[in-house]
Each structure stands twice: as C-alpha cells, then as structure tokens.
Amino acid sequence: MKTKMLCLLSALAVCAGCVSYHTPPADRRVTVSPDLGSRVWVTDVRLTKAKSQHYTLQANVANNTDGVVRMEYKVVWLDSNGAEIPSVVSTWQPMSAAARNVAGLTATAPSPEAVDFRLYVQVARGY
C-alpha cells in the first residue's frame, strides 16, 4: 500500500512540473517596447468595420505584475498600400492596468481608407 501511495505521489509531482505557461500572442501589427519586457502582453486584438465604413481596433493589455503598470499606446493607421494615414488621432494615449488585470483599449480609424494598423505600447512618459 505504501508503495502504491509513493508511486501516486511521485506521478503527481512529475505532472505538477508539466504546467503550461501562457505566452503572449504573436501579432506582427503590435509592438510592445522592450522597457515593458514581459510585464504586459497585448491580447485579443480585433478589427471591426462600423456602418460608417471606419475600422475600430479593440485590444486588451494584460498586466502580468503585482502592481499597477502605467503605459501609453499609439495606433498608426495604414491605407491599402501600407502607407501611414496622417491623423491627429495617432498620438500617444495614456492608460494603466491594475495588478494581474486586463485593461482594454479602443481606437477608430480616421478615414474609410484605413485598412490596417500598427499598435505601439510603451512605458508612460511624463504622466
């Protein structure tokens, strides 16, 4: 009986070491600056088109730390040729995420010609 119990406990210990670790999704349109390291991940990136024919970007920023992370983000909108569409809305926007929490961000394209985007996230500067 002791041998069976010891085998069971050993098997459980081995399985406990097999816990999967979550890794951030790879979306080439999203850049998180190295100064944030793995403290935040951008997840659930969605692009939808409204009746106005303008795209809306929605994304979640997951805070992997035990403290509040203050950051800023900028969305650059691109036309069908991949060229940046100049816009006053493509500026750094402050945001924060509570410890071990997820914060959402939303941005709307400045014109119907926008078909893609680039999202940049960095540590907040001067806020």
N, C-alpha and C. Protein backbone atom coordinates (compact mmCIF):
# COMPACT_ATOMS: atom_id res chain seq x y z
N MET A 1 0.82 -1.19 0.00
CA MET A 1 0.00 0.00 0.00
C MET A 1 0.86 1.25 0.00
N LYS A 2 1.94 1.23 0.82
CA LYS A 2 2.83 2.38 0.86
C LYS A 2 3.51 2.59 -0.49
N THR A 3 3.83 1.51 -1.18
CA THR A 3 4.49 1.61 -2.48
C THR A 3 3.55 2.25 -3.50
N LYS A 4 2.27 1.86 -3.49
CA LYS A 4 1.30 2.44 -4.41
C LYS A 4 1.13 3.93 -4.12
N MET A 5 1.06 4.28 -2.85
CA MET A 5 0.88 5.68 -2.46
C MET A 5 2.11 6.50 -2.88
N LEU A 6 3.29 5.94 -2.70
CA LEU A 6 4.52 6.63 -3.09
C LEU A 6 4.58 6.82 -4.60
N CYS A 7 4.17 5.81 -5.35
CA CYS A 7 4.13 5.92 -6.81
C CYS A 7 3.14 6.99 -7.26
N LEU A 8 1.99 7.04 -6.63
CA LEU A 8 0.97 8.03 -6.96
C LEU A 8 1.48 9.44 -6.67
N LEU A 9 2.09 9.63 -5.52
CA LEU A 9 2.63 10.95 -5.17
C LEU A 9 3.75 11.36 -6.12
N SER A 10 4.58 10.41 -6.52
CA SER A 10 5.65 10.70 -7.46
C SER A 10 5.08 11.12 -8.81
N ALA A 11 4.06 10.41 -9.27
CA ALA A 11 3.42 10.75 -10.54
C ALA A 11 2.80 12.14 -10.49
N LEU A 12 2.17 12.47 -9.38
CA LEU A 12 1.58 13.80 -9.22
C LEU A 12 2.65 14.88 -9.22
N ALA A 13 3.77 14.61 -8.58
CA ALA A 13 4.86 15.58 -8.55
C ALA A 13 5.42 15.82 -9.95
N VAL A 14 5.54 14.76 -10.73
CA VAL A 14 6.03 14.90 -12.10
C VAL A 14 5.03 15.71 -12.93
N CYS A 15 3.75 15.43 -12.79
CA CYS A 15 2.72 16.15 -13.55
C CYS A 15 2.66 17.61 -13.15
N ALA A 16 2.92 17.91 -11.89
CA ALA A 16 2.90 19.30 -11.44
C ALA A 16 3.98 20.11 -12.15
N GLY A 17 5.07 19.48 -12.51
CA GLY A 17 6.13 20.15 -13.25
C GLY A 17 5.80 20.38 -14.71
N CYS A 18 4.68 19.83 -15.18
CA CYS A 18 4.29 19.94 -16.58
C CYS A 18 3.26 21.05 -16.81
N VAL A 19 3.16 21.99 -15.90
CA VAL A 19 2.18 23.06 -16.04
C VAL A 19 2.55 23.90 -17.26
N SER A 20 1.57 24.21 -18.08
CA SER A 20 1.85 25.01 -19.26
C SER A 20 1.92 26.48 -18.88
N TYR A 21 2.83 27.20 -19.50
CA TYR A 21 2.96 28.62 -19.28
C TYR A 21 2.36 29.35 -20.46
N HIS A 22 1.59 30.38 -20.17
CA HIS A 22 0.98 31.16 -21.24
C HIS A 22 2.02 32.06 -21.86
N THR A 23 2.00 32.15 -23.16
CA THR A 23 2.91 33.05 -23.86
C THR A 23 2.09 34.09 -24.59
N PRO A 24 2.66 35.27 -24.79
CA PRO A 24 1.89 36.31 -25.47
C PRO A 24 1.62 35.95 -26.91
N PRO A 25 0.48 36.37 -27.44
CA PRO A 25 0.19 36.08 -28.84
C PRO A 25 1.13 36.86 -29.75
N ALA A 26 1.45 36.29 -30.89
CA ALA A 26 2.33 36.97 -31.84
C ALA A 26 1.48 37.62 -32.91
N ASP A 27 1.39 38.93 -32.87
CA ASP A 27 0.68 39.69 -33.90
C ASP A 27 1.67 40.73 -34.41
N ARG A 28 2.10 40.59 -35.63
CA ARG A 28 3.15 41.45 -36.16
C ARG A 28 2.74 42.92 -36.22
N ARG A 29 1.45 43.20 -36.07
CA ARG A 29 0.98 44.58 -36.09
C ARG A 29 1.12 45.27 -34.74
N VAL A 30 1.50 44.51 -33.70
CA VAL A 30 1.61 45.03 -32.35
C VAL A 30 3.07 45.03 -31.91
N THR A 31 3.52 46.17 -31.37
CA THR A 31 4.87 46.29 -30.84
C THR A 31 4.80 46.77 -29.40
N VAL A 32 5.33 45.96 -28.49
CA VAL A 32 5.44 46.35 -27.08
C VAL A 32 6.91 46.66 -26.85
N SER A 33 7.20 47.86 -26.34
CA SER A 33 8.59 48.28 -26.19
C SER A 33 9.33 47.40 -25.20
N PRO A 34 10.62 47.23 -25.43
CA PRO A 34 11.43 46.37 -24.57
C PRO A 34 11.44 46.83 -23.10
N ASP A 35 11.23 48.13 -22.85
CA ASP A 35 11.24 48.59 -21.46
C ASP A 35 10.06 48.05 -20.65
N LEU A 36 9.06 47.51 -21.32
CA LEU A 36 7.96 46.85 -20.60
C LEU A 36 8.26 45.36 -20.41
N GLY A 37 9.20 44.84 -21.19
CA GLY A 37 9.57 43.43 -21.07
C GLY A 37 8.35 42.53 -21.17
N SER A 38 8.24 41.59 -20.27
CA SER A 38 7.08 40.69 -20.26
C SER A 38 6.06 41.13 -19.21
N ARG A 39 6.20 42.38 -18.75
CA ARG A 39 5.24 42.86 -17.74
C ARG A 39 3.83 42.98 -18.30
N VAL A 40 3.72 43.29 -19.58
CA VAL A 40 2.39 43.37 -20.21
C VAL A 40 2.39 42.61 -21.53
N TRP A 41 1.24 42.07 -21.87
CA TRP A 41 1.00 41.42 -23.15
C TRP A 41 -0.22 42.05 -23.78
N VAL A 42 -0.17 42.26 -25.06
CA VAL A 42 -1.34 42.73 -25.80
C VAL A 42 -2.03 41.49 -26.36
N THR A 43 -3.30 41.32 -25.99
CA THR A 43 -4.06 40.13 -26.38
C THR A 43 -5.37 40.53 -27.03
N ASP A 44 -6.02 39.58 -27.61
CA ASP A 44 -7.37 39.76 -28.16
C ASP A 44 -7.47 40.97 -29.07
N VAL A 45 -6.62 41.07 -30.05
CA VAL A 45 -6.64 42.18 -31.00
C VAL A 45 -7.74 41.92 -32.02
N ARG A 46 -8.68 42.87 -32.12
CA ARG A 46 -9.82 42.74 -33.02
C ARG A 46 -9.97 44.00 -33.86
N LEU A 47 -10.32 43.83 -35.11
CA LEU A 47 -10.54 44.94 -36.02
C LEU A 47 -11.92 44.73 -36.64
N THR A 48 -12.80 45.68 -36.42
CA THR A 48 -14.16 45.57 -36.95
C THR A 48 -14.50 46.82 -37.75
N LYS A 49 -15.41 46.67 -38.69
CA LYS A 49 -15.82 47.81 -39.52
C LYS A 49 -17.23 48.21 -39.13
N ALA A 50 -17.40 49.49 -38.85
CA ALA A 50 -18.71 50.01 -38.47
C ALA A 50 -19.52 50.40 -39.71
N LYS A 51 -20.76 50.77 -39.49
CA LYS A 51 -21.60 51.20 -40.60
C LYS A 51 -21.02 52.41 -41.32
N SER A 52 -20.24 53.20 -40.59
CA SER A 52 -19.62 54.39 -41.17
C SER A 52 -18.46 54.04 -42.11
N GLN A 53 -18.14 52.74 -42.23
CA GLN A 53 -17.03 52.23 -43.05
C GLN A 53 -15.67 52.54 -42.44
N HIS A 54 -15.65 53.00 -41.20
CA HIS A 54 -14.40 53.22 -40.47
C HIS A 54 -14.11 51.99 -39.61
N TYR A 55 -12.86 51.55 -39.62
CA TYR A 55 -12.47 50.42 -38.77
C TYR A 55 -12.31 50.89 -37.33
N THR A 56 -12.60 49.97 -36.42
CA THR A 56 -12.36 50.19 -35.00
C THR A 56 -11.47 49.06 -34.51
N LEU A 57 -10.41 49.44 -33.81
CA LEU A 57 -9.48 48.49 -33.22
C LEU A 57 -9.82 48.35 -31.74
N GLN A 58 -9.89 47.11 -31.28
CA GLN A 58 -10.06 46.82 -29.87
C GLN A 58 -8.99 45.82 -29.48
N ALA A 59 -8.35 46.06 -28.33
CA ALA A 59 -7.32 45.15 -27.85
C ALA A 59 -7.31 45.16 -26.33
N ASN A 60 -6.82 44.10 -25.76
CA ASN A 60 -6.66 44.01 -24.31
C ASN A 60 -5.18 44.03 -23.98
N VAL A 61 -4.86 44.68 -22.87
CA VAL A 61 -3.49 44.71 -22.38
C VAL A 61 -3.50 44.03 -21.02
N ALA A 62 -2.83 42.89 -20.93
CA ALA A 62 -2.79 42.11 -19.69
C ALA A 62 -1.57 42.50 -18.87
N ASN A 63 -1.78 42.88 -17.62
CA ASN A 63 -0.70 43.22 -16.70
C ASN A 63 -0.30 41.95 -15.97
N ASN A 64 0.94 41.54 -16.13
CA ASN A 64 1.44 40.31 -15.52
C ASN A 64 2.17 40.55 -14.20
N THR A 65 2.05 41.76 -13.64
CA THR A 65 2.80 42.10 -12.43
C THR A 65 1.87 42.21 -11.23
N ASP A 66 2.48 42.40 -10.06
CA ASP A 66 1.72 42.57 -8.82
C ASP A 66 1.46 44.04 -8.50
N GLY A 67 1.73 44.93 -9.43
CA GLY A 67 1.50 46.35 -9.22
C GLY A 67 0.86 46.97 -10.45
N VAL A 68 0.43 48.22 -10.30
CA VAL A 68 -0.16 48.95 -11.42
C VAL A 68 0.94 49.26 -12.44
N VAL A 69 0.63 49.10 -13.72
CA VAL A 69 1.56 49.47 -14.78
C VAL A 69 0.95 50.64 -15.55
N ARG A 70 1.70 51.75 -15.58
CA ARG A 70 1.27 52.92 -16.34
C ARG A 70 2.01 52.89 -17.68
N MET A 71 1.25 53.03 -18.74
CA MET A 71 1.83 52.95 -20.07
C MET A 71 1.10 53.91 -20.98
N GLU A 72 1.50 53.94 -22.23
CA GLU A 72 0.81 54.71 -23.25
C GLU A 72 0.83 53.92 -24.55
N TYR A 73 -0.15 54.19 -25.38
CA TYR A 73 -0.25 53.47 -26.65
C TYR A 73 -0.53 54.45 -27.77
N LYS A 74 -0.16 54.04 -28.97
CA LYS A 74 -0.43 54.84 -30.16
C LYS A 74 -0.83 53.88 -31.28
N VAL A 75 -1.86 54.26 -32.03
CA VAL A 75 -2.30 53.48 -33.17
C VAL A 75 -2.01 54.28 -34.43
N VAL A 76 -1.27 53.68 -35.34
CA VAL A 76 -0.99 54.28 -36.64
C VAL A 76 -1.82 53.53 -37.66
N TRP A 77 -2.62 54.27 -38.41
CA TRP A 77 -3.50 53.65 -39.41
C TRP A 77 -2.83 53.67 -40.77
N LEU A 78 -3.04 52.59 -41.54
CA LEU A 78 -2.40 52.42 -42.84
C LEU A 78 -3.44 52.26 -43.94
N ASP A 79 -3.11 52.76 -45.14
CA ASP A 79 -4.01 52.59 -46.28
C ASP A 79 -3.71 51.27 -47.00
N SER A 80 -4.38 51.02 -48.11
CA SER A 80 -4.23 49.74 -48.81
C SER A 80 -2.83 49.53 -49.38
N ASN A 81 -2.04 50.59 -49.50
CA ASN A 81 -0.65 50.47 -49.97
C ASN A 81 0.33 50.31 -48.82
N GLY A 82 -0.17 50.33 -47.60
CA GLY A 82 0.71 50.21 -46.43
C GLY A 82 1.29 51.53 -45.98
N ALA A 83 0.83 52.62 -46.57
CA ALA A 83 1.32 53.95 -46.20
C ALA A 83 0.53 54.48 -45.00
N GLU A 84 1.24 55.21 -44.14
CA GLU A 84 0.59 55.80 -42.96
C GLU A 84 -0.38 56.89 -43.38
N ILE A 85 -1.55 56.89 -42.75
CA ILE A 85 -2.53 57.93 -42.98
C ILE A 85 -2.31 58.99 -41.89
N PRO A 86 -1.86 60.20 -42.27
CA PRO A 86 -1.63 61.23 -41.26
C PRO A 86 -2.92 61.56 -40.52
N SER A 87 -2.82 61.65 -39.20
CA SER A 87 -4.01 61.89 -38.40
C SER A 87 -3.65 62.45 -37.04
N VAL A 88 -4.50 63.34 -36.55
CA VAL A 88 -4.30 63.88 -35.20
C VAL A 88 -4.65 62.84 -34.14
N VAL A 89 -5.36 61.78 -34.51
CA VAL A 89 -5.71 60.75 -33.52
C VAL A 89 -4.58 59.75 -33.31
N SER A 90 -3.54 59.81 -34.15
CA SER A 90 -2.40 58.90 -34.00
C SER A 90 -1.38 59.52 -33.05
N THR A 91 -1.80 59.73 -31.81
CA THR A 91 -0.92 60.30 -30.78
C THR A 91 -0.88 59.35 -29.60
N TRP A 92 0.12 59.52 -28.75
CA TRP A 92 0.25 58.67 -27.57
C TRP A 92 -0.89 58.94 -26.60
N GLN A 93 -1.55 57.86 -26.17
CA GLN A 93 -2.67 57.93 -25.25
C GLN A 93 -2.30 57.23 -23.95
N PRO A 94 -2.51 57.87 -22.80
CA PRO A 94 -2.16 57.22 -21.53
C PRO A 94 -3.16 56.12 -21.17
N MET A 95 -2.66 55.10 -20.50
CA MET A 95 -3.53 54.06 -19.95
C MET A 95 -2.79 53.37 -18.82
N SER A 96 -3.53 52.67 -18.00
CA SER A 96 -2.91 51.88 -16.93
C SER A 96 -3.69 50.59 -16.76
N ALA A 97 -3.02 49.62 -16.19
CA ALA A 97 -3.65 48.32 -15.92
C ALA A 97 -3.34 47.95 -14.48
N ALA A 98 -4.36 47.59 -13.74
CA ALA A 98 -4.20 47.18 -12.34
C ALA A 98 -3.45 45.86 -12.28
N ALA A 99 -2.92 45.58 -11.10
CA ALA A 99 -2.14 44.36 -10.87
C ALA A 99 -2.91 43.12 -11.30
N ARG A 100 -2.24 42.25 -12.07
CA ARG A 100 -2.81 40.97 -12.52
C ARG A 100 -4.19 41.16 -13.15
N ASN A 101 -4.34 42.24 -13.92
CA ASN A 101 -5.63 42.57 -14.50
C ASN A 101 -5.47 42.85 -15.99
N VAL A 102 -6.59 43.07 -16.66
CA VAL A 102 -6.61 43.35 -18.09
C VAL A 102 -7.29 44.69 -18.30
N ALA A 103 -6.68 45.54 -19.12
CA ALA A 103 -7.28 46.82 -19.49
C ALA A 103 -7.54 46.80 -20.99
N GLY A 104 -8.63 47.41 -21.40
CA GLY A 104 -8.97 47.44 -22.82
C GLY A 104 -8.64 48.78 -23.44
N LEU A 105 -8.35 48.75 -24.73
CA LEU A 105 -8.15 49.99 -25.46
C LEU A 105 -8.93 49.92 -26.75
N THR A 106 -9.35 51.09 -27.22
CA THR A 106 -10.14 51.20 -28.44
C THR A 106 -9.63 52.38 -29.25
N ALA A 107 -9.57 52.23 -30.55
CA ALA A 107 -9.19 53.32 -31.44
C ALA A 107 -9.99 53.18 -32.73
N THR A 108 -10.40 54.33 -33.28
CA THR A 108 -11.18 54.34 -34.52
C THR A 108 -10.36 54.98 -35.63
N ALA A 109 -10.38 54.37 -36.79
CA ALA A 109 -9.63 54.87 -37.94
C ALA A 109 -10.12 56.27 -38.31
N PRO A 110 -9.20 57.12 -38.76
CA PRO A 110 -9.57 58.49 -39.10
C PRO A 110 -10.33 58.62 -40.41
N SER A 111 -10.25 57.60 -41.27
CA SER A 111 -10.95 57.66 -42.56
C SER A 111 -11.28 56.26 -43.04
N PRO A 112 -12.22 56.14 -43.97
CA PRO A 112 -12.56 54.83 -44.53
C PRO A 112 -11.42 54.21 -45.34
N GLU A 113 -10.42 55.01 -45.73
CA GLU A 113 -9.28 54.49 -46.49
C GLU A 113 -8.36 53.63 -45.64
N ALA A 114 -8.47 53.72 -44.33
CA ALA A 114 -7.63 52.91 -43.43
C ALA A 114 -8.09 51.46 -43.50
N VAL A 115 -7.13 50.57 -43.77
CA VAL A 115 -7.45 49.14 -43.88
C VAL A 115 -6.64 48.28 -42.92
N ASP A 116 -5.62 48.88 -42.32
CA ASP A 116 -4.77 48.14 -41.38
C ASP A 116 -4.22 49.11 -40.35
N PHE A 117 -3.48 48.59 -39.39
CA PHE A 117 -2.98 49.43 -38.31
C PHE A 117 -1.66 48.89 -37.79
N ARG A 118 -1.01 49.71 -36.99
CA ARG A 118 0.13 49.30 -36.18
C ARG A 118 -0.14 49.87 -34.78
N LEU A 119 -0.02 49.02 -33.77
CA LEU A 119 -0.25 49.42 -32.39
C LEU A 119 1.08 49.37 -31.66
N TYR A 120 1.41 50.48 -30.99
CA TYR A 120 2.65 50.59 -30.22
C TYR A 120 2.29 50.83 -28.76
N VAL A 121 2.97 50.12 -27.86
CA VAL A 121 2.75 50.27 -26.41
C VAL A 121 4.11 50.48 -25.77
N GLN A 122 4.19 51.47 -24.88
CA GLN A 122 5.45 51.75 -24.17
C GLN A 122 5.15 52.23 -22.76
N VAL A 123 6.19 52.29 -21.93
CA VAL A 123 6.05 52.80 -20.57
C VAL A 123 5.63 54.27 -20.67
N ALA A 124 4.72 54.69 -19.80
CA ALA A 124 4.24 56.07 -19.80
C ALA A 124 5.40 57.02 -19.51
N ARG A 125 5.45 58.09 -20.25
CA ARG A 125 6.48 59.10 -20.06
C ARG A 125 5.81 60.42 -19.75
N GLY A 126 6.10 60.97 -18.59
CA GLY A 126 5.61 62.30 -18.25
C GLY A 126 4.16 62.38 -17.83
N TYR A 127 3.54 61.28 -17.45
CA TYR A 127 2.15 61.35 -16.99
C TYR A 127 2.10 61.21 -15.50
